Each structure stands twice: as structure tokens, then as C-alpha cells.
Amino acid sequence: MPRPPAMRIAGRNAHWRHLHNQDILSMPDKWEYPWFAAWDLAFHCVPLAMIDPDFAKRQLILMLREWYMHPNGQIPAYEWAFSDVNPPVHAWAAWRVYKIDKKRTGKGDLTFLKRVFHKLLLNFTWWVNRKDADGLNVFQGGFRGLDNIGVFNRSEPLPNGGSIQQCDGTSWMAMYALNLMSIALELARHDHGYEDVATEFSNISCTSPTR
């Protein structure tokens, strides 16, 4: 097999050396095939759960496996730039898929819920360590989903040292905390060891920016 061109050694996805994606993935649409996007996939899994819940659960788990998720906790955004930042909807999708499956079968798949929860804790930590410039808990930088094209590339430093404070990014994170709290509360019904984690996310979701 021929080696990739030398220019790829320092390309846009160069530090994702652990990533080996040779799996069946849900694609945004047939026009963009075979181009995956992690947050599109998360949305797809909700209606997929009504047809094939096992496939939907496998898709959500796959993005959190060690050959996809970065060791620092980031989920690969999409094939064009794994390090880009997309809205954190994975926990919401996992919680919805769990409830849809539980309603169908009468029994929740707690193993699935635990698997995604433990990995999502790593991803949540990656998110909260993306410090904002002024320490105001207002998340900055990256694509947040409200529009596809902006004046500036929000994934790169702004010209002249400026910064963007994004209320939509902060609201996404509040939702993420609430989703993880819901999952922790469900798990705590069967294992009291999750109670303090649920309390932690309750406190996080109640924290508001200082201005």
C-alpha cells in the first residue's frame, strides 16, 4: 500500500494518530457520503432508535470508543477537521435513545447507559477545560450550530487578539449538564454510587455566567 504524501504529516488531522474509523456510520446525507459528522450522527440515532435501537446504541457508543474519541476527551467532529468544535449533543441523543428503547421493551438498557455516561464524563471535562478568556464561564470559539458561515473562523484565533463570547455555546453546555444529570439520576435508581455525580451536575447546571 502506498504511503500518504509527506505533506499530511503536519496536516489538519495530524495529531489524531489513534483514530481508525473503518466502521459503518450514519452519514449526514447521500450528497455528502462518505463524510461523517458526529453531531449529525447523534441526531440520526433518535429516529433510528424507533426502527433499530441496537444499531442506534452501537452508533453512539462507537463515537466514544478509544479508536474514535481523542485521549483528551474530544469527540472527532467530522472528517474534514476532527479537532473542530460542534455542539455537545451526544448525551442528549443517548438519553433519548435509552428512553425510546425502554418504552419499547419495558426495560432500560443500563449497560448502554453506563458505557456512554462514563465516556461522556471525559468529553464533558474536555469541554469545561476550554477556558474562556475572562473566566466568566462563557464558552468561546468553534462552530455552535446556529449558522454555518460567519465573518471569522471561530475555530481559529481571531485577528488582532480578539475573542468571541458565545451565548449559544454556553447554553449548549447547560443542556449537556442537565442531560448528564438525568442519566446519573436514572443510574442512581439502580446504583447509589451515582447519586453524588447527579448532585454535581445539578450544581453545574445551576451555575450561570457572572454577567
N, C-alpha and C. Protein backbone atom coordinates (compact mmCIF):
# COMPACT_ATOMS: atom_id res chain seq x y z
N MET A 1 0.85 -1.19 0.00
CA MET A 1 0.00 0.00 0.00
C MET A 1 0.89 1.25 0.00
N PRO A 2 0.65 2.22 -0.90
CA PRO A 2 1.49 3.42 -0.95
C PRO A 2 1.33 4.27 0.30
N ARG A 3 2.42 4.94 0.69
CA ARG A 3 2.38 5.82 1.85
C ARG A 3 1.64 7.11 1.52
N PRO A 4 0.98 7.74 2.53
CA PRO A 4 0.36 9.05 2.29
C PRO A 4 1.42 10.09 1.95
N PRO A 5 1.06 11.15 1.25
CA PRO A 5 2.03 12.20 0.92
C PRO A 5 2.64 12.79 2.19
N ALA A 6 3.90 13.23 2.09
CA ALA A 6 4.62 13.78 3.25
C ALA A 6 3.91 14.99 3.83
N MET A 7 3.18 15.75 3.00
CA MET A 7 2.51 16.95 3.47
C MET A 7 1.45 16.64 4.53
N ARG A 8 0.97 15.40 4.60
CA ARG A 8 -0.07 15.04 5.55
C ARG A 8 0.47 14.84 6.97
N ILE A 9 1.78 14.77 7.11
CA ILE A 9 2.37 14.56 8.43
C ILE A 9 2.00 15.69 9.38
N ALA A 10 1.88 16.89 8.85
CA ALA A 10 1.51 18.04 9.67
C ALA A 10 0.18 18.64 9.22
N GLY A 11 -0.70 17.81 8.66
CA GLY A 11 -1.98 18.28 8.16
C GLY A 11 -2.99 18.55 9.26
N ARG A 12 -4.23 18.83 8.87
CA ARG A 12 -5.24 19.29 9.81
C ARG A 12 -5.62 18.23 10.85
N ASN A 13 -5.47 16.95 10.52
CA ASN A 13 -5.84 15.88 11.46
C ASN A 13 -4.61 15.12 11.96
N ALA A 14 -3.45 15.75 11.89
CA ALA A 14 -2.19 15.04 12.14
C ALA A 14 -2.09 14.45 13.54
N HIS A 15 -2.65 15.14 14.55
CA HIS A 15 -2.47 14.64 15.92
C HIS A 15 -3.57 13.67 16.36
N TRP A 16 -4.38 13.22 15.41
CA TRP A 16 -5.39 12.19 15.69
C TRP A 16 -4.84 10.83 15.23
N ARG A 17 -3.65 10.50 15.67
CA ARG A 17 -2.98 9.29 15.19
C ARG A 17 -3.64 8.02 15.72
N HIS A 18 -4.41 8.14 16.77
CA HIS A 18 -5.07 6.96 17.34
C HIS A 18 -6.30 6.56 16.55
N LEU A 19 -6.80 7.45 15.68
CA LEU A 19 -8.12 7.26 15.07
C LEU A 19 -8.06 6.24 13.93
N HIS A 20 -8.89 5.21 14.03
CA HIS A 20 -9.01 4.19 12.99
C HIS A 20 -10.50 3.94 12.77
N ASN A 21 -11.08 4.66 11.82
CA ASN A 21 -12.52 4.53 11.60
C ASN A 21 -12.79 3.74 10.33
N GLN A 22 -13.01 2.45 10.55
CA GLN A 22 -13.36 1.53 9.47
C GLN A 22 -14.68 0.84 9.83
N ASP A 23 -15.68 1.66 10.10
CA ASP A 23 -16.96 1.15 10.58
C ASP A 23 -18.10 1.69 9.73
N ILE A 24 -19.25 1.06 9.87
CA ILE A 24 -20.47 1.57 9.23
C ILE A 24 -20.98 2.73 10.08
N LEU A 25 -21.13 3.90 9.45
CA LEU A 25 -21.55 5.10 10.17
C LEU A 25 -22.75 5.73 9.48
N SER A 26 -23.59 6.35 10.28
CA SER A 26 -24.71 7.11 9.72
C SER A 26 -24.17 8.43 9.18
N MET A 27 -24.51 8.72 7.91
CA MET A 27 -23.98 9.90 7.22
C MET A 27 -25.00 11.04 7.23
N PRO A 28 -24.51 12.30 7.12
CA PRO A 28 -25.45 13.43 7.08
C PRO A 28 -26.49 13.29 5.97
N ASP A 29 -26.06 12.94 4.75
CA ASP A 29 -26.98 12.70 3.64
C ASP A 29 -26.19 12.06 2.51
N LYS A 30 -26.89 11.58 1.49
CA LYS A 30 -26.23 10.87 0.40
C LYS A 30 -25.36 11.81 -0.44
N TRP A 31 -25.67 13.11 -0.43
CA TRP A 31 -24.86 14.06 -1.19
C TRP A 31 -23.46 14.18 -0.60
N GLU A 32 -23.34 14.08 0.74
CA GLU A 32 -22.05 14.23 1.39
C GLU A 32 -21.34 12.91 1.65
N TYR A 33 -21.95 11.80 1.31
CA TYR A 33 -21.34 10.49 1.50
C TYR A 33 -19.98 10.46 0.83
N PRO A 34 -18.94 9.87 1.45
CA PRO A 34 -18.90 9.17 2.74
C PRO A 34 -18.32 10.03 3.86
N TRP A 35 -18.90 11.14 4.12
CA TRP A 35 -18.37 12.15 5.04
C TRP A 35 -19.19 12.15 6.31
N PHE A 36 -18.60 11.71 7.44
CA PHE A 36 -19.38 11.63 8.68
C PHE A 36 -19.27 12.92 9.49
N ALA A 37 -20.27 13.18 10.29
CA ALA A 37 -20.27 14.30 11.22
C ALA A 37 -20.87 13.80 12.53
N ALA A 38 -20.12 13.92 13.62
CA ALA A 38 -20.52 13.29 14.88
C ALA A 38 -21.84 13.83 15.42
N TRP A 39 -22.07 15.15 15.28
CA TRP A 39 -23.31 15.65 15.88
C TRP A 39 -24.51 15.38 14.99
N ASP A 40 -24.32 15.30 13.66
CA ASP A 40 -25.41 14.83 12.79
C ASP A 40 -25.78 13.40 13.18
N LEU A 41 -24.75 12.56 13.37
CA LEU A 41 -24.97 11.17 13.72
C LEU A 41 -25.79 11.04 15.00
N ALA A 42 -25.50 11.90 15.98
CA ALA A 42 -26.23 11.85 17.25
C ALA A 42 -27.72 12.13 17.03
N PHE A 43 -28.04 13.12 16.20
CA PHE A 43 -29.45 13.41 15.89
C PHE A 43 -30.10 12.23 15.15
N HIS A 44 -29.35 11.61 14.21
CA HIS A 44 -29.90 10.49 13.45
C HIS A 44 -30.34 9.35 14.36
N CYS A 45 -29.58 9.15 15.44
CA CYS A 45 -29.80 7.98 16.28
C CYS A 45 -31.16 8.00 16.99
N VAL A 46 -31.72 9.18 17.17
CA VAL A 46 -33.02 9.27 17.85
C VAL A 46 -34.12 8.61 17.01
N PRO A 47 -34.32 9.00 15.73
CA PRO A 47 -35.33 8.27 14.94
C PRO A 47 -34.91 6.84 14.63
N LEU A 48 -33.59 6.59 14.50
CA LEU A 48 -33.13 5.22 14.25
C LEU A 48 -33.52 4.29 15.38
N ALA A 49 -33.58 4.83 16.61
CA ALA A 49 -33.94 4.01 17.78
C ALA A 49 -35.35 3.45 17.67
N MET A 50 -36.21 4.11 16.90
CA MET A 50 -37.58 3.62 16.72
C MET A 50 -37.64 2.44 15.75
N ILE A 51 -36.58 2.31 14.93
CA ILE A 51 -36.54 1.25 13.92
C ILE A 51 -35.58 0.13 14.32
N ASP A 52 -34.39 0.54 14.75
CA ASP A 52 -33.34 -0.43 15.11
C ASP A 52 -32.57 0.12 16.31
N PRO A 53 -33.09 -0.03 17.52
CA PRO A 53 -32.45 0.56 18.69
C PRO A 53 -31.05 0.03 18.95
N ASP A 54 -30.78 -1.22 18.62
CA ASP A 54 -29.44 -1.76 18.82
C ASP A 54 -28.42 -1.05 17.94
N PHE A 55 -28.80 -0.78 16.69
CA PHE A 55 -27.91 -0.05 15.79
C PHE A 55 -27.68 1.37 16.29
N ALA A 56 -28.74 2.02 16.75
CA ALA A 56 -28.62 3.38 17.27
C ALA A 56 -27.68 3.43 18.46
N LYS A 57 -27.81 2.46 19.36
CA LYS A 57 -26.94 2.43 20.54
C LYS A 57 -25.49 2.17 20.14
N ARG A 58 -25.28 1.28 19.18
CA ARG A 58 -23.91 0.98 18.73
C ARG A 58 -23.26 2.20 18.09
N GLN A 59 -24.06 2.98 17.36
CA GLN A 59 -23.52 4.19 16.73
C GLN A 59 -23.05 5.20 17.77
N LEU A 60 -23.85 5.40 18.80
CA LEU A 60 -23.49 6.36 19.85
C LEU A 60 -22.26 5.89 20.63
N ILE A 61 -22.21 4.60 20.93
CA ILE A 61 -21.05 4.05 21.64
C ILE A 61 -19.79 4.16 20.79
N LEU A 62 -19.94 3.93 19.49
CA LEU A 62 -18.79 3.92 18.59
C LEU A 62 -18.01 5.23 18.63
N MET A 63 -18.72 6.36 18.61
CA MET A 63 -18.05 7.65 18.63
C MET A 63 -17.29 7.90 19.93
N LEU A 64 -17.59 7.11 20.96
CA LEU A 64 -16.95 7.28 22.26
C LEU A 64 -15.86 6.23 22.51
N ARG A 65 -15.67 5.33 21.56
CA ARG A 65 -14.66 4.30 21.74
C ARG A 65 -13.26 4.88 21.60
N GLU A 66 -12.27 4.13 22.10
CA GLU A 66 -10.90 4.63 22.16
C GLU A 66 -10.26 4.81 20.79
N TRP A 67 -10.82 4.20 19.75
CA TRP A 67 -10.26 4.42 18.41
C TRP A 67 -10.98 5.56 17.67
N TYR A 68 -11.91 6.24 18.34
CA TYR A 68 -12.52 7.47 17.82
C TYR A 68 -12.22 8.64 18.76
N MET A 69 -12.72 8.60 19.98
CA MET A 69 -12.52 9.69 20.93
C MET A 69 -11.03 9.93 21.19
N HIS A 70 -10.64 11.19 21.20
CA HIS A 70 -9.24 11.55 21.46
C HIS A 70 -8.92 11.26 22.93
N PRO A 71 -7.68 10.92 23.25
CA PRO A 71 -7.32 10.69 24.66
C PRO A 71 -7.63 11.87 25.57
N ASN A 72 -7.71 13.09 25.00
CA ASN A 72 -8.06 14.24 25.84
C ASN A 72 -9.56 14.39 26.07
N GLY A 73 -10.36 13.50 25.46
CA GLY A 73 -11.81 13.52 25.68
C GLY A 73 -12.62 14.12 24.55
N GLN A 74 -11.97 14.66 23.53
CA GLN A 74 -12.73 15.27 22.43
C GLN A 74 -13.27 14.20 21.50
N ILE A 75 -14.52 14.40 21.06
CA ILE A 75 -15.12 13.54 20.04
C ILE A 75 -14.77 14.11 18.67
N PRO A 76 -14.30 13.29 17.73
CA PRO A 76 -13.96 13.82 16.41
C PRO A 76 -15.18 14.46 15.75
N ALA A 77 -15.01 15.71 15.32
CA ALA A 77 -16.15 16.48 14.83
C ALA A 77 -16.67 15.94 13.50
N TYR A 78 -15.82 15.94 12.50
CA TYR A 78 -16.17 15.45 11.17
C TYR A 78 -14.87 15.24 10.41
N GLU A 79 -14.95 14.54 9.28
CA GLU A 79 -13.74 14.10 8.61
C GLU A 79 -12.87 15.24 8.10
N TRP A 80 -13.48 16.37 7.78
CA TRP A 80 -12.68 17.50 7.28
C TRP A 80 -11.74 18.02 8.34
N ALA A 81 -12.18 18.08 9.59
CA ALA A 81 -11.35 18.58 10.69
C ALA A 81 -11.82 17.95 11.99
N PHE A 82 -11.18 16.88 12.41
CA PHE A 82 -11.58 16.19 13.64
C PHE A 82 -11.55 17.10 14.85
N SER A 83 -10.63 18.07 14.87
CA SER A 83 -10.46 18.93 16.04
C SER A 83 -11.43 20.09 16.10
N ASP A 84 -12.28 20.23 15.10
CA ASP A 84 -13.27 21.31 15.16
C ASP A 84 -14.22 21.06 16.34
N VAL A 85 -14.98 22.08 16.67
CA VAL A 85 -15.85 22.01 17.85
C VAL A 85 -17.31 22.11 17.40
N ASN A 86 -18.08 21.08 17.73
CA ASN A 86 -19.50 21.05 17.40
C ASN A 86 -20.34 21.03 18.68
N PRO A 87 -21.61 21.39 18.61
CA PRO A 87 -22.46 21.36 19.80
C PRO A 87 -22.46 19.99 20.48
N PRO A 88 -22.39 19.95 21.80
CA PRO A 88 -22.33 18.68 22.54
C PRO A 88 -23.72 18.06 22.72
N VAL A 89 -24.14 17.30 21.73
CA VAL A 89 -25.49 16.72 21.75
C VAL A 89 -25.48 15.21 22.00
N HIS A 90 -24.32 14.64 22.22
CA HIS A 90 -24.22 13.19 22.35
C HIS A 90 -24.98 12.67 23.58
N ALA A 91 -24.88 13.39 24.68
CA ALA A 91 -25.59 12.95 25.90
C ALA A 91 -27.10 13.03 25.70
N TRP A 92 -27.57 14.09 25.06
CA TRP A 92 -29.00 14.23 24.77
C TRP A 92 -29.48 13.06 23.93
N ALA A 93 -28.72 12.71 22.88
CA ALA A 93 -29.12 11.62 21.99
C ALA A 93 -29.12 10.29 22.74
N ALA A 94 -28.09 10.05 23.56
CA ALA A 94 -28.03 8.79 24.31
C ALA A 94 -29.21 8.65 25.26
N TRP A 95 -29.57 9.74 25.93
CA TRP A 95 -30.69 9.72 26.87
C TRP A 95 -32.01 9.48 26.14
N ARG A 96 -32.19 10.11 24.98
CA ARG A 96 -33.41 9.91 24.20
C ARG A 96 -33.50 8.47 23.68
N VAL A 97 -32.39 7.95 23.18
CA VAL A 97 -32.37 6.58 22.66
C VAL A 97 -32.67 5.59 23.79
N TYR A 98 -32.11 5.82 24.95
CA TYR A 98 -32.37 4.96 26.11
C TYR A 98 -33.87 4.94 26.44
N LYS A 99 -34.49 6.12 26.47
CA LYS A 99 -35.91 6.19 26.84
C LYS A 99 -36.81 5.58 25.77
N ILE A 100 -36.45 5.78 24.50
CA ILE A 100 -37.23 5.18 23.42
C ILE A 100 -37.17 3.66 23.51
N ASP A 101 -35.97 3.14 23.72
CA ASP A 101 -35.78 1.69 23.83
C ASP A 101 -36.49 1.14 25.06
N LYS A 102 -36.43 1.87 26.17
CA LYS A 102 -37.09 1.42 27.40
C LYS A 102 -38.60 1.38 27.23
N LYS A 103 -39.14 2.35 26.52
CA LYS A 103 -40.59 2.37 26.29
C LYS A 103 -41.02 1.20 25.41
N ARG A 104 -40.17 0.82 24.44
CA ARG A 104 -40.49 -0.30 23.55
C ARG A 104 -40.44 -1.64 24.27
N THR A 105 -39.41 -1.82 25.09
CA THR A 105 -39.16 -3.13 25.68
C THR A 105 -39.65 -3.26 27.12
N GLY A 106 -39.90 -2.12 27.78
CA GLY A 106 -40.30 -2.16 29.17
C GLY A 106 -39.14 -2.26 30.14
N LYS A 107 -37.91 -2.29 29.60
CA LYS A 107 -36.73 -2.40 30.44
C LYS A 107 -35.60 -1.57 29.85
N GLY A 108 -35.01 -0.70 30.66
CA GLY A 108 -33.93 0.15 30.18
C GLY A 108 -32.62 -0.61 30.06
N ASP A 109 -31.85 -0.27 29.03
CA ASP A 109 -30.54 -0.89 28.81
C ASP A 109 -29.51 -0.13 29.64
N LEU A 110 -29.36 -0.52 30.90
CA LEU A 110 -28.47 0.19 31.82
C LEU A 110 -27.00 0.02 31.43
N THR A 111 -26.66 -1.10 30.82
CA THR A 111 -25.28 -1.29 30.38
C THR A 111 -24.91 -0.24 29.33
N PHE A 112 -25.81 -0.03 28.37
CA PHE A 112 -25.59 1.02 27.36
C PHE A 112 -25.45 2.38 28.03
N LEU A 113 -26.34 2.68 28.95
CA LEU A 113 -26.34 3.99 29.59
C LEU A 113 -25.05 4.21 30.38
N LYS A 114 -24.57 3.19 31.07
CA LYS A 114 -23.32 3.31 31.82
C LYS A 114 -22.14 3.51 30.87
N ARG A 115 -22.12 2.77 29.78
CA ARG A 115 -21.00 2.87 28.84
C ARG A 115 -20.86 4.28 28.27
N VAL A 116 -21.99 4.85 27.85
CA VAL A 116 -21.90 6.20 27.28
C VAL A 116 -21.65 7.24 28.37
N PHE A 117 -22.22 7.03 29.55
CA PHE A 117 -22.07 8.02 30.63
C PHE A 117 -20.61 8.16 31.04
N HIS A 118 -19.92 7.05 31.24
CA HIS A 118 -18.53 7.11 31.69
C HIS A 118 -17.64 7.80 30.66
N LYS A 119 -17.88 7.56 29.38
CA LYS A 119 -17.09 8.22 28.35
C LYS A 119 -17.48 9.69 28.18
N LEU A 120 -18.76 9.98 28.36
CA LEU A 120 -19.19 11.38 28.25
C LEU A 120 -18.64 12.23 29.38
N LEU A 121 -18.34 11.63 30.52
CA LEU A 121 -17.68 12.38 31.59
C LEU A 121 -16.33 12.90 31.12
N LEU A 122 -15.61 12.10 30.33
CA LEU A 122 -14.33 12.54 29.77
C LEU A 122 -14.55 13.69 28.81
N ASN A 123 -15.57 13.57 27.95
CA ASN A 123 -15.86 14.62 26.99
C ASN A 123 -16.31 15.90 27.67
N PHE A 124 -17.12 15.78 28.70
CA PHE A 124 -17.57 16.97 29.44
C PHE A 124 -16.38 17.69 30.06
N THR A 125 -15.45 16.91 30.62
CA THR A 125 -14.24 17.51 31.21
C THR A 125 -13.43 18.24 30.15
N TRP A 126 -13.34 17.65 28.95
CA TRP A 126 -12.64 18.35 27.86
C TRP A 126 -13.30 19.69 27.56
N TRP A 127 -14.63 19.70 27.57
CA TRP A 127 -15.35 20.95 27.31
C TRP A 127 -15.09 22.00 28.38
N VAL A 128 -15.22 21.63 29.64
CA VAL A 128 -15.09 22.63 30.70
C VAL A 128 -13.66 23.12 30.84
N ASN A 129 -12.70 22.39 30.30
CA ASN A 129 -11.32 22.86 30.32
C ASN A 129 -10.98 23.79 29.18
N ARG A 130 -11.95 24.04 28.31
CA ARG A 130 -11.76 25.05 27.26
C ARG A 130 -12.06 26.42 27.90
N LYS A 131 -11.05 26.97 28.56
CA LYS A 131 -11.24 28.18 29.36
C LYS A 131 -11.61 29.38 28.48
N ASP A 132 -12.52 30.20 28.98
CA ASP A 132 -12.80 31.46 28.30
C ASP A 132 -11.79 32.50 28.76
N ALA A 133 -11.59 33.51 27.94
CA ALA A 133 -10.51 34.47 28.17
C ALA A 133 -10.62 35.18 29.51
N ASP A 134 -11.83 35.48 29.97
CA ASP A 134 -12.01 36.29 31.18
C ASP A 134 -12.51 35.49 32.38
N GLY A 135 -12.60 34.17 32.25
CA GLY A 135 -13.06 33.35 33.37
C GLY A 135 -14.50 33.58 33.76
N LEU A 136 -15.35 33.87 32.77
CA LEU A 136 -16.75 34.20 33.05
C LEU A 136 -17.70 33.03 32.76
N ASN A 137 -17.14 31.86 32.47
CA ASN A 137 -17.96 30.69 32.14
C ASN A 137 -18.81 30.90 30.89
N VAL A 138 -18.32 31.74 29.98
CA VAL A 138 -18.97 31.94 28.69
C VAL A 138 -18.09 31.25 27.65
N PHE A 139 -18.60 30.21 27.02
CA PHE A 139 -17.78 29.41 26.13
C PHE A 139 -17.52 30.14 24.83
N GLN A 140 -16.31 29.91 24.30
CA GLN A 140 -15.86 30.67 23.14
C GLN A 140 -15.28 29.74 22.08
N GLY A 141 -15.35 30.20 20.82
CA GLY A 141 -14.69 29.51 19.73
C GLY A 141 -15.40 28.26 19.28
N GLY A 142 -15.28 27.96 17.99
CA GLY A 142 -15.85 26.74 17.45
C GLY A 142 -17.24 26.94 16.87
N PHE A 143 -17.64 26.00 16.06
CA PHE A 143 -18.96 26.03 15.43
C PHE A 143 -20.00 25.57 16.44
N ARG A 144 -21.03 26.35 16.65
CA ARG A 144 -22.02 26.04 17.67
C ARG A 144 -23.37 25.64 17.09
N GLY A 145 -23.54 25.72 15.79
CA GLY A 145 -24.76 25.18 15.21
C GLY A 145 -25.81 26.19 14.82
N LEU A 146 -25.64 27.48 15.19
CA LEU A 146 -26.67 28.47 14.84
C LEU A 146 -26.53 28.96 13.40
N ASP A 147 -25.33 28.83 12.84
CA ASP A 147 -25.13 29.20 11.45
C ASP A 147 -23.89 28.50 10.94
N ASN A 148 -23.81 28.31 9.63
CA ASN A 148 -22.67 27.61 9.04
C ASN A 148 -21.55 28.54 8.63
N ILE A 149 -21.84 29.79 8.34
CA ILE A 149 -20.83 30.71 7.83
C ILE A 149 -20.82 31.96 8.68
N GLY A 150 -19.65 32.31 9.20
CA GLY A 150 -19.50 33.52 10.00
C GLY A 150 -18.44 34.43 9.41
N VAL A 151 -18.34 35.63 9.95
CA VAL A 151 -17.34 36.59 9.48
C VAL A 151 -15.94 36.06 9.77
N PHE A 152 -15.77 35.41 10.95
CA PHE A 152 -14.48 34.87 11.35
C PHE A 152 -14.56 33.35 11.44
N ASN A 153 -13.39 32.72 11.29
CA ASN A 153 -13.27 31.28 11.56
C ASN A 153 -13.21 31.11 13.06
N ARG A 154 -14.30 30.62 13.65
CA ARG A 154 -14.40 30.56 15.11
C ARG A 154 -13.57 29.44 15.72
N SER A 155 -12.99 28.60 14.87
CA SER A 155 -12.13 27.54 15.39
C SER A 155 -10.67 27.96 15.45
N GLU A 156 -10.37 29.17 15.00
CA GLU A 156 -9.00 29.68 14.99
C GLU A 156 -8.94 30.98 15.78
N PRO A 157 -7.72 31.37 16.26
CA PRO A 157 -7.58 32.66 16.95
C PRO A 157 -8.04 33.80 16.07
N LEU A 158 -8.69 34.79 16.66
CA LEU A 158 -9.22 35.91 15.90
C LEU A 158 -8.12 36.92 15.58
N PRO A 159 -8.32 37.69 14.53
CA PRO A 159 -7.33 38.72 14.19
C PRO A 159 -7.15 39.72 15.34
N ASN A 160 -5.93 40.20 15.50
CA ASN A 160 -5.61 41.25 16.49
C ASN A 160 -5.88 40.82 17.93
N GLY A 161 -5.91 39.50 18.19
CA GLY A 161 -6.03 39.03 19.56
C GLY A 161 -7.41 39.14 20.18
N GLY A 162 -8.45 39.30 19.38
CA GLY A 162 -9.80 39.42 19.91
C GLY A 162 -10.36 38.07 20.33
N SER A 163 -11.56 38.08 20.93
CA SER A 163 -12.22 36.85 21.33
C SER A 163 -13.73 37.01 21.13
N ILE A 164 -14.40 35.89 20.92
CA ILE A 164 -15.85 35.88 20.74
C ILE A 164 -16.48 35.18 21.94
N GLN A 165 -17.43 35.84 22.58
CA GLN A 165 -18.19 35.22 23.66
C GLN A 165 -19.53 34.76 23.08
N GLN A 166 -19.81 33.47 23.22
CA GLN A 166 -20.95 32.87 22.53
C GLN A 166 -21.98 32.36 23.53
N CYS A 167 -23.11 33.04 23.58
CA CYS A 167 -24.16 32.61 24.49
C CYS A 167 -24.72 31.25 24.08
N ASP A 168 -24.70 30.95 22.76
CA ASP A 168 -25.22 29.67 22.32
C ASP A 168 -24.32 28.53 22.80
N GLY A 169 -23.00 28.73 22.81
CA GLY A 169 -22.10 27.72 23.33
C GLY A 169 -22.34 27.46 24.80
N THR A 170 -22.59 28.52 25.55
CA THR A 170 -22.86 28.39 26.99
C THR A 170 -24.18 27.66 27.23
N SER A 171 -25.19 27.93 26.43
CA SER A 171 -26.48 27.25 26.59
C SER A 171 -26.37 25.77 26.23
N TRP A 172 -25.55 25.45 25.22
CA TRP A 172 -25.32 24.05 24.89
C TRP A 172 -24.74 23.31 26.09
N MET A 173 -23.79 23.96 26.78
CA MET A 173 -23.15 23.31 27.92
C MET A 173 -24.10 23.15 29.10
N ALA A 174 -25.00 24.10 29.28
CA ALA A 174 -26.01 23.96 30.33
C ALA A 174 -26.90 22.76 30.03
N MET A 175 -27.27 22.59 28.75
CA MET A 175 -28.08 21.45 28.36
C MET A 175 -27.30 20.14 28.56
N TYR A 176 -26.02 20.17 28.23
CA TYR A 176 -25.17 18.99 28.41
C TYR A 176 -25.17 18.56 29.88
N ALA A 177 -25.01 19.53 30.79
CA ALA A 177 -25.01 19.21 32.23
C ALA A 177 -26.35 18.61 32.66
N LEU A 178 -27.45 19.16 32.15
CA LEU A 178 -28.77 18.65 32.50
C LEU A 178 -28.98 17.23 31.97
N ASN A 179 -28.48 16.96 30.75
CA ASN A 179 -28.59 15.62 30.18
C ASN A 179 -27.82 14.61 31.02
N LEU A 180 -26.59 14.98 31.41
CA LEU A 180 -25.79 14.08 32.24
C LEU A 180 -26.41 13.89 33.62
N MET A 181 -27.04 14.94 34.14
CA MET A 181 -27.73 14.81 35.42
C MET A 181 -28.89 13.82 35.30
N SER A 182 -29.64 13.89 34.21
CA SER A 182 -30.76 12.96 34.00
C SER A 182 -30.27 11.52 33.92
N ILE A 183 -29.16 11.31 33.21
CA ILE A 183 -28.60 9.96 33.09
C ILE A 183 -28.12 9.47 34.45
N ALA A 184 -27.43 10.34 35.20
CA ALA A 184 -26.92 9.95 36.52
C ALA A 184 -28.06 9.60 37.47
N LEU A 185 -29.15 10.36 37.41
CA LEU A 185 -30.30 10.07 38.27
C LEU A 185 -30.92 8.72 37.93
N GLU A 186 -31.00 8.41 36.63
CA GLU A 186 -31.53 7.11 36.21
C GLU A 186 -30.64 5.98 36.71
N LEU A 187 -29.33 6.16 36.58
CA LEU A 187 -28.40 5.13 37.05
C LEU A 187 -28.43 5.01 38.57
N ALA A 188 -28.66 6.14 39.25
CA ALA A 188 -28.69 6.13 40.73
C ALA A 188 -29.88 5.36 41.27
N ARG A 189 -30.91 5.19 40.47
CA ARG A 189 -32.07 4.38 40.89
C ARG A 189 -31.68 2.92 41.07
N HIS A 190 -30.61 2.51 40.41
CA HIS A 190 -30.18 1.12 40.45
C HIS A 190 -28.82 0.96 41.14
N ASP A 191 -28.08 2.07 41.28
CA ASP A 191 -26.76 2.03 41.90
C ASP A 191 -26.54 3.36 42.63
N HIS A 192 -26.56 3.33 43.96
CA HIS A 192 -26.47 4.56 44.74
C HIS A 192 -25.13 5.28 44.55
N GLY A 193 -24.16 4.60 43.97
CA GLY A 193 -22.87 5.23 43.72
C GLY A 193 -22.93 6.39 42.75
N TYR A 194 -24.03 6.51 41.99
CA TYR A 194 -24.17 7.59 41.02
C TYR A 194 -24.85 8.83 41.61
N GLU A 195 -25.30 8.75 42.86
CA GLU A 195 -26.06 9.86 43.43
C GLU A 195 -25.24 11.15 43.52
N ASP A 196 -23.98 11.03 43.98
CA ASP A 196 -23.18 12.24 44.14
C ASP A 196 -22.82 12.85 42.79
N VAL A 197 -22.73 12.00 41.73
CA VAL A 197 -22.46 12.53 40.40
C VAL A 197 -23.66 13.33 39.91
N ALA A 198 -24.86 12.83 40.17
CA ALA A 198 -26.08 13.55 39.80
C ALA A 198 -26.14 14.90 40.50
N THR A 199 -25.77 14.92 41.78
CA THR A 199 -25.76 16.18 42.53
C THR A 199 -24.76 17.16 41.94
N GLU A 200 -23.61 16.65 41.53
CA GLU A 200 -22.58 17.51 40.93
C GLU A 200 -23.10 18.20 39.67
N PHE A 201 -23.78 17.44 38.82
CA PHE A 201 -24.30 18.04 37.59
C PHE A 201 -25.48 18.95 37.86
N SER A 202 -26.21 18.72 38.93
CA SER A 202 -27.26 19.65 39.33
C SER A 202 -26.65 21.00 39.69
N ASN A 203 -25.52 20.98 40.41
CA ASN A 203 -24.86 22.22 40.78
C ASN A 203 -24.30 22.93 39.55
N ILE A 204 -23.71 22.16 38.63
CA ILE A 204 -23.13 22.76 37.42
C ILE A 204 -24.19 23.43 36.58
N SER A 205 -25.33 22.75 36.41
CA SER A 205 -26.39 23.30 35.55
C SER A 205 -27.01 24.55 36.14
N CYS A 206 -26.88 24.74 37.44
CA CYS A 206 -27.43 25.94 38.09
C CYS A 206 -26.46 27.11 38.08
N THR A 207 -25.20 26.86 37.68
CA THR A 207 -24.20 27.92 37.66
C THR A 207 -24.40 28.77 36.42
N SER A 208 -24.47 30.09 36.59
CA SER A 208 -24.69 30.99 35.48
C SER A 208 -23.48 31.89 35.30
N PRO A 209 -23.28 32.42 34.07
CA PRO A 209 -22.18 33.35 33.86
C PRO A 209 -22.28 34.54 34.81
N THR A 210 -21.15 35.16 35.09
CA THR A 210 -21.11 36.25 36.06
C THR A 210 -21.63 37.55 35.50
N ARG A 211 -21.92 37.57 34.21
CA ARG A 211 -22.54 38.77 33.65
C ARG A 211 -23.35 38.41 32.43
